[in-house]
């Protein structure tokens, strides 16, 4: 019996404000450090930003996307008051996306939030495998 990957629609999406800034590059590097850990449970990584700063495709196995519509759909913008003026910016955040729906999110990008989303992804994958295997059991 050959099992198909039951969660082909599950991915980790990191939304970064800009890859031109040191802060954006730090988030980028941290997320890439976790890429292999998520890869072990078949969860690919995509990075979404408004400003890739010329370092797109730094990692050929990671999908880099420069798209403000995705950022809006994920509701990853925040409004702030800067010197009395309202301004809107992209909030660095993580999303566990399953078939175009948000299955999990973290408002901050750090090791703790990546670990939390990894555990959530692992549980989703495990549950799907159990459901698939249960369907293969002989009746009796």
C-alpha atoms as a PDB file:
ATOM      1  CA  UNK A   1       0.000   0.000   0.000  1.00  0.00           C
ATOM      2  CA  UNK A   2       1.329   3.435  -0.908  1.00  0.00           C
ATOM      3  CA  UNK A   3       0.261   6.467   1.090  1.00  0.00           C
ATOM      4  CA  UNK A   4      -0.128   9.824  -0.576  1.00  0.00           C
ATOM      5  CA  UNK A   5       0.870  12.917   1.353  1.00  0.00           C
ATOM      6  CA  UNK A   6      -2.464  13.776   2.985  1.00  0.00           C
ATOM      7  CA  UNK A   7      -1.543  17.404   3.597  1.00  0.00           C
ATOM      8  CA  UNK A   8      -0.288  18.661   0.276  1.00  0.00           C
ATOM      9  CA  UNK A   9      -2.187  21.876   1.014  1.00  0.00           C
ATOM     10  CA  UNK A  10      -0.296  22.639   4.259  1.00  0.00           C
ATOM     11  CA  UNK A  11       2.490  25.241   4.172  1.00  0.00           C
ATOM     12  CA  UNK A  12       4.266  27.705   6.430  1.00  0.00           C
ATOM     13  CA  UNK A  13       4.016  31.269   5.142  1.00  0.00           C
ATOM     14  CA  UNK A  14       6.232  33.975   6.622  1.00  0.00           C
ATOM     15  CA  UNK A  15       5.170  37.557   5.943  1.00  0.00           C
ATOM     16  CA  UNK A  16       8.084  39.972   6.086  1.00  0.00           C
ATOM     17  CA  UNK A  17       7.877  43.758   5.705  1.00  0.00           C
ATOM     18  CA  UNK A  18      11.097  44.089   3.712  1.00  0.00           C
ATOM     19  CA  UNK A  19      14.181  42.059   2.990  1.00  0.00           C
ATOM     20  CA  UNK A  20      16.210  45.255   2.542  1.00  0.00           C
ATOM     21  CA  UNK A  21      16.294  45.998   6.274  1.00  0.00           C
ATOM     22  CA  UNK A  22      18.482  44.271   8.835  1.00  0.00           C
ATOM     23  CA  UNK A  23      15.365  43.332  10.812  1.00  0.00           C
ATOM     24  CA  UNK A  24      13.763  41.746   7.738  1.00  0.00           C
ATOM     25  CA  UNK A  25      16.937  39.794   6.950  1.00  0.00           C
ATOM     26  CA  UNK A  26      17.107  38.542  10.571  1.00  0.00           C
ATOM     27  CA  UNK A  27      13.543  37.215  10.311  1.00  0.00           C
ATOM     28  CA  UNK A  28      14.384  35.731   6.908  1.00  0.00           C
ATOM     29  CA  UNK A  29      17.447  33.913   8.269  1.00  0.00           C
ATOM     30  CA  UNK A  30      15.569  32.600  11.330  1.00  0.00           C
ATOM     31  CA  UNK A  31      12.737  31.200   9.228  1.00  0.00           C
ATOM     32  CA  UNK A  32      15.235  29.542   6.855  1.00  0.00           C
ATOM     33  CA  UNK A  33      16.900  27.867   9.856  1.00  0.00           C
ATOM     34  CA  UNK A  34      13.572  26.152  10.579  1.00  0.00           C
ATOM     35  CA  UNK A  35      12.919  25.177   6.947  1.00  0.00           C
ATOM     36  CA  UNK A  36      14.463  21.703   7.274  1.00  0.00           C
ATOM     37  CA  UNK A  37      12.509  21.007  10.474  1.00  0.00           C
ATOM     38  CA  UNK A  38       9.226  21.802   8.728  1.00  0.00           C
ATOM     39  CA  UNK A  39      10.450  19.892   5.678  1.00  0.00           C
ATOM     40  CA  UNK A  40      10.764  16.724   7.761  1.00  0.00           C
ATOM     41  CA  UNK A  41       6.968  16.745   8.139  1.00  0.00           C
ATOM     42  CA  UNK A  42       6.368  17.767   4.496  1.00  0.00           C
ATOM     43  CA  UNK A  43       5.464  21.392   5.187  1.00  0.00           C
ATOM     44  CA  UNK A  44       7.032  23.703   2.590  1.00  0.00           C
ATOM     45  CA  UNK A  45       7.988  27.310   3.273  1.00  0.00           C
ATOM     46  CA  UNK A  46       6.970  30.428   1.400  1.00  0.00           C
ATOM     47  CA  UNK A  47       8.106  33.981   2.105  1.00  0.00           C
ATOM     48  CA  UNK A  48       5.822  36.883   1.242  1.00  0.00           C
ATOM     49  CA  UNK A  49       7.014  40.485   1.268  1.00  0.00           C
ATOM     50  CA  UNK A  50       6.314  43.810  -0.370  1.00  0.00           C
ATOM     51  CA  UNK A  51      10.004  44.497  -0.891  1.00  0.00           C
ATOM     52  CA  UNK A  52      12.348  41.584  -1.595  1.00  0.00           C
ATOM     53  CA  UNK A  53      15.299  43.904  -1.974  1.00  0.00           C
ATOM     54  CA  UNK A  54      16.971  41.862  -4.682  1.00  0.00           C
ATOM     55  CA  UNK A  55      17.561  38.754  -2.547  1.00  0.00           C
ATOM     56  CA  UNK A  56      14.726  36.781  -4.031  1.00  0.00           C
ATOM     57  CA  UNK A  57      15.522  33.169  -4.738  1.00  0.00           C
ATOM     58  CA  UNK A  58      18.325  33.080  -2.189  1.00  0.00           C
ATOM     59  CA  UNK A  59      17.105  29.588  -1.351  1.00  0.00           C
ATOM     60  CA  UNK A  60      15.890  27.678  -4.434  1.00  0.00           C
ATOM     61  CA  UNK A  61      13.626  25.384  -2.362  1.00  0.00           C
ATOM     62  CA  UNK A  62      11.740  28.303  -0.827  1.00  0.00           C
ATOM     63  CA  UNK A  63       9.003  30.175  -2.636  1.00  0.00           C
ATOM     64  CA  UNK A  64       9.662  33.927  -2.547  1.00  0.00           C
ATOM     65  CA  UNK A  65       6.657  36.088  -3.394  1.00  0.00           C
ATOM     66  CA  UNK A  66       6.452  39.874  -3.633  1.00  0.00           C
ATOM     67  CA  UNK A  67       2.675  40.381  -3.378  1.00  0.00           C
ATOM     68  CA  UNK A  68       0.702  42.885  -1.319  1.00  0.00           C
ATOM     69  CA  UNK A  69      -2.609  41.122  -2.130  1.00  0.00           C
ATOM     70  CA  UNK A  70      -1.500  38.013  -0.227  1.00  0.00           C
ATOM     71  CA  UNK A  71      -0.450  40.223   2.683  1.00  0.00           C
ATOM     72  CA  UNK A  72      -3.906  41.829   2.668  1.00  0.00           C
ATOM     73  CA  UNK A  73      -5.682  38.464   2.475  1.00  0.00           C
ATOM     74  CA  UNK A  74      -3.705  37.228   5.473  1.00  0.00           C
ATOM     75  CA  UNK A  75      -4.526  40.481   7.305  1.00  0.00           C
ATOM     76  CA  UNK A  76      -0.850  41.061   8.028  1.00  0.00           C
ATOM     77  CA  UNK A  77      -0.982  44.861   8.047  1.00  0.00           C
ATOM     78  CA  UNK A  78      -1.016  47.116  11.063  1.00  0.00           C
ATOM     79  CA  UNK A  79      -1.809  50.764  11.525  1.00  0.00           C
ATOM     80  CA  UNK A  80       0.414  52.938  13.676  1.00  0.00           C
ATOM     81  CA  UNK A  81       0.552  56.577  14.601  1.00  0.00           C
ATOM     82  CA  UNK A  82       3.951  58.054  13.751  1.00  0.00           C
ATOM     83  CA  UNK A  83       4.420  61.671  14.810  1.00  0.00           C
ATOM     84  CA  UNK A  84       0.664  62.128  14.816  1.00  0.00           C
ATOM     85  CA  UNK A  85       0.139  60.684  11.337  1.00  0.00           C
ATOM     86  CA  UNK A  86      -1.549  57.365  10.699  1.00  0.00           C
ATOM     87  CA  UNK A  87       0.639  54.995   8.723  1.00  0.00           C
ATOM     88  CA  UNK A  88       0.159  51.417   7.608  1.00  0.00           C
ATOM     89  CA  UNK A  89       2.921  48.834   7.596  1.00  0.00           C
ATOM     90  CA  UNK A  90       3.377  45.110   7.111  1.00  0.00           C
ATOM     91  CA  UNK A  91       3.545  43.172  10.380  1.00  0.00           C
ATOM     92  CA  UNK A  92       6.165  40.418  10.403  1.00  0.00           C
ATOM     93  CA  UNK A  93       4.150  37.296  11.147  1.00  0.00           C
ATOM     94  CA  UNK A  94       3.846  33.577  10.501  1.00  0.00           C
ATOM     95  CA  UNK A  95       0.903  31.665   9.079  1.00  0.00           C
ATOM     96  CA  UNK A  96       0.236  27.978   8.824  1.00  0.00           C
ATOM     97  CA  UNK A  97      -1.910  27.809   5.698  1.00  0.00           C
ATOM     98  CA  UNK A  98      -3.936  24.759   4.755  1.00  0.00           C
ATOM     99  CA  UNK A  99      -5.743  24.754   1.409  1.00  0.00           C
ATOM    100  CA  UNK A 100      -5.966  28.577   1.270  1.00  0.00           C
ATOM    101  CA  UNK A 101      -7.300  28.840   4.849  1.00  0.00           C
ATOM    102  CA  UNK A 102      -5.301  29.946   7.887  1.00  0.00           C
ATOM    103  CA  UNK A 103      -4.887  26.968  10.225  1.00  0.00           C
ATOM    104  CA  UNK A 104      -2.552  28.785  12.623  1.00  0.00           C
ATOM    105  CA  UNK A 105      -0.846  32.119  13.056  1.00  0.00           C
ATOM    106  CA  UNK A 106       1.817  33.775  15.137  1.00  0.00           C
ATOM    107  CA  UNK A 107       1.977  37.545  15.478  1.00  0.00           C
ATOM    108  CA  UNK A 108       5.731  37.427  16.079  1.00  0.00           C
ATOM    109  CA  UNK A 109       8.556  35.664  14.307  1.00  0.00           C
ATOM    110  CA  UNK A 110      10.758  33.966  16.879  1.00  0.00           C
ATOM    111  CA  UNK A 111      11.833  30.441  17.797  1.00  0.00           C
ATOM    112  CA  UNK A 112       8.942  29.954  20.215  1.00  0.00           C
ATOM    113  CA  UNK A 113       6.312  30.819  17.608  1.00  0.00           C
ATOM    114  CA  UNK A 114       8.015  28.639  14.993  1.00  0.00           C
ATOM    115  CA  UNK A 115       8.050  25.754  17.466  1.00  0.00           C
ATOM    116  CA  UNK A 116       4.363  26.299  18.259  1.00  0.00           C
ATOM    117  CA  UNK A 117       3.424  26.269  14.567  1.00  0.00           C
ATOM    118  CA  UNK A 118       5.602  23.197  13.968  1.00  0.00           C
ATOM    119  CA  UNK A 119       3.716  21.331  16.700  1.00  0.00           C
ATOM    120  CA  UNK A 120       0.404  22.422  15.200  1.00  0.00           C
ATOM    121  CA  UNK A 121       1.502  21.302  11.721  1.00  0.00           C
ATOM    122  CA  UNK A 122       2.689  17.981  13.135  1.00  0.00           C
ATOM    123  CA  UNK A 123      -0.694  17.394  14.788  1.00  0.00           C
ATOM    124  CA  UNK A 124      -2.541  18.235  11.557  1.00  0.00           C
ATOM    125  CA  UNK A 125      -0.320  15.856   9.580  1.00  0.00           C
ATOM    126  CA  UNK A 126      -0.652  13.084  12.183  1.00  0.00           C
ATOM    127  CA  UNK A 127      -4.428  13.397  12.332  1.00  0.00           C
ATOM    128  CA  UNK A 128      -4.682  13.203   8.547  1.00  0.00           C
ATOM    129  CA  UNK A 129      -2.502  10.089   8.415  1.00  0.00           C
ATOM    130  CA  UNK A 130      -4.567   8.444  11.171  1.00  0.00           C
ATOM    131  CA  UNK A 131      -7.799   9.185   9.281  1.00  0.00           C
ATOM    132  CA  UNK A 132      -6.322   7.808   6.075  1.00  0.00           C
ATOM    133  CA  UNK A 133      -5.022   4.668   7.793  1.00  0.00           C
ATOM    134  CA  UNK A 134      -8.310   4.101   9.612  1.00  0.00           C
ATOM    135  CA  UNK A 135     -10.037   3.988   6.244  1.00  0.00           C
ATOM    136  CA  UNK A 136      -7.645   1.204   5.187  1.00  0.00           C
ATOM    137  CA  UNK A 137      -8.299  -1.066   8.185  1.00  0.00           C
ATOM    138  CA  UNK A 138     -10.209  -4.296   7.552  1.00  0.00           C
ATOM    139  CA  UNK A 139     -13.726  -4.361   8.941  1.00  0.00           C
ATOM    140  CA  UNK A 140     -14.520  -6.838  11.603  1.00  0.00           C
END
